[in-house]
Amino acid sequence: MKRLWHTLLIGAIGGIVIGYLMALGFSTFFNTTYLFPSNPNFVSHWSSPLAATQLSTSLWILIGEVWAFSGWFPLNVRWFGFYTLIYTGAYIGLWLIEKALARIKVIQLNQQLTNHRS
């Protein structure tokens, strides 16, 4: 029973720490004035940034628990770093795709405005 609680605690703490550090890193990287727990589109779906942060924290805990119990993730610094790099790469890749799609949408809207004015 003691081992179960230890694994639960390690998983929860690990998930929160990695989630928080990723949120802090991305908020800094994208030069935001507030800490966003996820991308701004995710935050906009909730009643407040606090609600989005609460949900994100719960998700970080669940992810930490899955990794702690499933054996996918050995509990050492080397693997934390490895998976953090994978997560960071995936996040940046998705952000670049979203940015490109937004740029295309802006171009289309500008063309519609130009055509409407003509």
C-alpha atoms as a PDB file:
ATOM      1  CA  MET A   1       0.000   0.000   0.000  1.00  0.00           C
ATOM      2  CA  LYS A   2       2.905   2.325   0.816  1.00  0.00           C
ATOM      3  CA  ARG A   3       4.382   1.705  -2.642  1.00  0.00           C
ATOM      4  CA  LEU A   4       1.032   2.565  -4.273  1.00  0.00           C
ATOM      5  CA  TRP A   5       0.838   5.935  -2.478  1.00  0.00           C
ATOM      6  CA  HIS A   6       4.470   6.623  -3.333  1.00  0.00           C
ATOM      7  CA  THR A   7       3.826   5.941  -7.019  1.00  0.00           C
ATOM      8  CA  LEU A   8       0.679   8.112  -6.950  1.00  0.00           C
ATOM      9  CA  LEU A   9       2.585  10.953  -5.320  1.00  0.00           C
ATOM     10  CA  ILE A  10       5.563  10.727  -7.673  1.00  0.00           C
ATOM     11  CA  GLY A  11       3.268  10.590 -10.732  1.00  0.00           C
ATOM     12  CA  ALA A  12       1.197  13.572  -9.613  1.00  0.00           C
ATOM     13  CA  ILE A  13       4.205  15.699  -8.693  1.00  0.00           C
ATOM     14  CA  GLY A  14       6.028  14.763 -11.879  1.00  0.00           C
ATOM     15  CA  GLY A  15       3.020  15.611 -14.037  1.00  0.00           C
ATOM     16  CA  ILE A  16       2.474  18.969 -12.351  1.00  0.00           C
ATOM     17  CA  VAL A  17       6.145  19.946 -12.457  1.00  0.00           C
ATOM     18  CA  ILE A  18       6.584  19.063 -16.120  1.00  0.00           C
ATOM     19  CA  GLY A  19       3.257  20.670 -17.082  1.00  0.00           C
ATOM     20  CA  TYR A  20       4.043  23.860 -15.178  1.00  0.00           C
ATOM     21  CA  LEU A  21       7.565  24.106 -16.563  1.00  0.00           C
ATOM     22  CA  MET A  22       6.272  23.578 -20.094  1.00  0.00           C
ATOM     23  CA  ALA A  23       3.571  26.229 -19.608  1.00  0.00           C
ATOM     24  CA  LEU A  24       6.159  28.638 -18.183  1.00  0.00           C
ATOM     25  CA  GLY A  25       8.576  27.927 -21.001  1.00  0.00           C
ATOM     26  CA  PHE A  26       6.006  28.377 -23.754  1.00  0.00           C
ATOM     27  CA  SER A  27       4.554  31.515 -22.177  1.00  0.00           C
ATOM     28  CA  THR A  28       8.068  32.954 -22.038  1.00  0.00           C
ATOM     29  CA  PHE A  29       8.927  31.788 -25.554  1.00  0.00           C
ATOM     30  CA  PHE A  30       5.785  33.347 -27.032  1.00  0.00           C
ATOM     31  CA  ASN A  31       6.371  36.532 -24.985  1.00  0.00           C
ATOM     32  CA  THR A  32       2.978  36.546 -23.262  1.00  0.00           C
ATOM     33  CA  THR A  33       2.270  38.784 -20.292  1.00  0.00           C
ATOM     34  CA  TYR A  34       0.387  36.014 -18.461  1.00  0.00           C
ATOM     35  CA  LEU A  35       1.104  32.374 -17.747  1.00  0.00           C
ATOM     36  CA  PHE A  36      -1.014  30.281 -20.102  1.00  0.00           C
ATOM     37  CA  PRO A  37      -1.439  26.616 -19.119  1.00  0.00           C
ATOM     38  CA  SER A  38      -1.892  25.756 -22.798  1.00  0.00           C
ATOM     39  CA  ASN A  39      -2.359  27.551 -26.085  1.00  0.00           C
ATOM     40  CA  PRO A  40      -4.657  30.610 -26.074  1.00  0.00           C
ATOM     41  CA  ASN A  41      -7.303  28.757 -28.098  1.00  0.00           C
ATOM     42  CA  PHE A  42      -7.640  26.165 -25.313  1.00  0.00           C
ATOM     43  CA  VAL A  43      -7.835  28.887 -22.665  1.00  0.00           C
ATOM     44  CA  SER A  44     -10.570  30.719 -24.600  1.00  0.00           C
ATOM     45  CA  HIS A  45     -12.872  27.683 -24.302  1.00  0.00           C
ATOM     46  CA  TRP A  46     -13.158  28.166 -20.528  1.00  0.00           C
ATOM     47  CA  SER A  47     -14.823  30.821 -18.405  1.00  0.00           C
ATOM     48  CA  SER A  48     -11.499  32.156 -17.125  1.00  0.00           C
ATOM     49  CA  PRO A  49      -7.759  31.492 -17.313  1.00  0.00           C
ATOM     50  CA  LEU A  50      -8.042  30.113 -13.771  1.00  0.00           C
ATOM     51  CA  ALA A  51     -10.564  27.477 -14.907  1.00  0.00           C
ATOM     52  CA  ALA A  52      -8.267  26.536 -17.804  1.00  0.00           C
ATOM     53  CA  THR A  53      -5.322  26.276 -15.399  1.00  0.00           C
ATOM     54  CA  GLN A  54      -7.318  24.089 -12.997  1.00  0.00           C
ATOM     55  CA  LEU A  55      -8.280  21.730 -15.817  1.00  0.00           C
ATOM     56  CA  SER A  56      -4.734  21.691 -17.169  1.00  0.00           C
ATOM     57  CA  THR A  57      -3.362  20.846 -13.718  1.00  0.00           C
ATOM     58  CA  SER A  58      -5.818  17.958 -13.442  1.00  0.00           C
ATOM     59  CA  LEU A  59      -4.714  16.712 -16.866  1.00  0.00           C
ATOM     60  CA  TRP A  60      -1.042  17.042 -15.903  1.00  0.00           C
ATOM     61  CA  ILE A  61      -1.715  14.935 -12.788  1.00  0.00           C
ATOM     62  CA  LEU A  62      -3.527  12.270 -14.839  1.00  0.00           C
ATOM     63  CA  ILE A  63      -0.722  12.140 -17.389  1.00  0.00           C
ATOM     64  CA  GLY A  64       1.821  11.836 -14.559  1.00  0.00           C
ATOM     65  CA  GLU A  65      -0.207   9.010 -13.007  1.00  0.00           C
ATOM     66  CA  VAL A  66      -0.453   7.115 -16.304  1.00  0.00           C
ATOM     67  CA  TRP A  67       3.283   7.400 -16.825  1.00  0.00           C
ATOM     68  CA  ALA A  68       4.032   6.356 -13.242  1.00  0.00           C
ATOM     69  CA  PHE A  69       1.785   3.262 -13.366  1.00  0.00           C
ATOM     70  CA  SER A  70       2.021   2.062 -16.986  1.00  0.00           C
ATOM     71  CA  GLY A  71       5.766   1.521 -17.077  1.00  0.00           C
ATOM     72  CA  TRP A  72       6.087   3.679 -20.218  1.00  0.00           C
ATOM     73  CA  PHE A  73       8.130   6.174 -18.340  1.00  0.00           C
ATOM     74  CA  PRO A  74      11.039   5.180 -16.130  1.00  0.00           C
ATOM     75  CA  LEU A  75      11.301   7.512 -13.157  1.00  0.00           C
ATOM     76  CA  ASN A  76      14.672   9.123 -13.761  1.00  0.00           C
ATOM     77  CA  VAL A  77      15.949  12.484 -14.989  1.00  0.00           C
ATOM     78  CA  ARG A  78      17.220  11.144 -18.329  1.00  0.00           C
ATOM     79  CA  TRP A  79      13.776   9.907 -19.397  1.00  0.00           C
ATOM     80  CA  PHE A  80      12.042  13.035 -18.070  1.00  0.00           C
ATOM     81  CA  GLY A  81      14.346  15.078 -20.291  1.00  0.00           C
ATOM     82  CA  PHE A  82      13.785  12.796 -23.285  1.00  0.00           C
ATOM     83  CA  TYR A  83       9.996  12.955 -23.069  1.00  0.00           C
ATOM     84  CA  THR A  84      10.108  16.678 -22.364  1.00  0.00           C
ATOM     85  CA  LEU A  85      12.009  17.153 -25.625  1.00  0.00           C
ATOM     86  CA  ILE A  86       9.455  15.035 -27.489  1.00  0.00           C
ATOM     87  CA  TYR A  87       6.579  17.026 -25.979  1.00  0.00           C
ATOM     88  CA  THR A  88       8.296  20.322 -26.757  1.00  0.00           C
ATOM     89  CA  GLY A  89       8.907  19.295 -30.362  1.00  0.00           C
ATOM     90  CA  ALA A  90       5.303  18.183 -30.822  1.00  0.00           C
ATOM     91  CA  TYR A  91       3.975  21.382 -29.231  1.00  0.00           C
ATOM     92  CA  ILE A  92       6.146  23.624 -31.393  1.00  0.00           C
ATOM     93  CA  GLY A  93       5.198  21.617 -34.490  1.00  0.00           C
ATOM     94  CA  LEU A  94       1.490  21.976 -33.757  1.00  0.00           C
ATOM     95  CA  TRP A  95       1.950  25.663 -32.979  1.00  0.00           C
ATOM     96  CA  LEU A  96       3.693  26.213 -36.337  1.00  0.00           C
ATOM     97  CA  ILE A  97       0.848  24.428 -38.146  1.00  0.00           C
ATOM     98  CA  GLU A  98      -1.749  26.552 -36.318  1.00  0.00           C
ATOM     99  CA  LYS A  99       0.234  29.694 -37.127  1.00  0.00           C
ATOM    100  CA  ALA A 100       0.388  28.777 -40.827  1.00  0.00           C
ATOM    101  CA  LEU A 101      -3.358  28.066 -40.905  1.00  0.00           C
ATOM    102  CA  ALA A 102      -4.073  31.395 -39.198  1.00  0.00           C
ATOM    103  CA  ARG A 103      -1.860  33.190 -41.714  1.00  0.00           C
ATOM    104  CA  ILE A 104      -3.776  31.581 -44.596  1.00  0.00           C
ATOM    105  CA  LYS A 105      -7.068  32.623 -43.013  1.00  0.00           C
ATOM    106  CA  VAL A 106      -5.864  36.225 -42.639  1.00  0.00           C
ATOM    107  CA  ILE A 107      -4.813  36.289 -46.292  1.00  0.00           C
ATOM    108  CA  GLN A 108      -8.224  34.953 -47.339  1.00  0.00           C
ATOM    109  CA  LEU A 109     -10.031  37.519 -45.173  1.00  0.00           C
ATOM    110  CA  ASN A 110      -7.899  40.329 -46.586  1.00  0.00           C
ATOM    111  CA  GLN A 111      -8.728  39.171 -50.126  1.00  0.00           C
ATOM    112  CA  GLN A 112     -12.439  39.131 -49.268  1.00  0.00           C
ATOM    113  CA  LEU A 113     -12.182  42.684 -47.866  1.00  0.00           C
ATOM    114  CA  THR A 114     -10.313  43.858 -50.975  1.00  0.00           C
ATOM    115  CA  ASN A 115     -12.917  42.259 -53.264  1.00  0.00           C
ATOM    116  CA  HIS A 116     -15.777  43.731 -51.223  1.00  0.00           C
ATOM    117  CA  ARG A 117     -14.316  47.245 -51.460  1.00  0.00           C
ATOM    118  CA  SER A 118     -13.876  46.995 -55.237  1.00  0.00           C
END
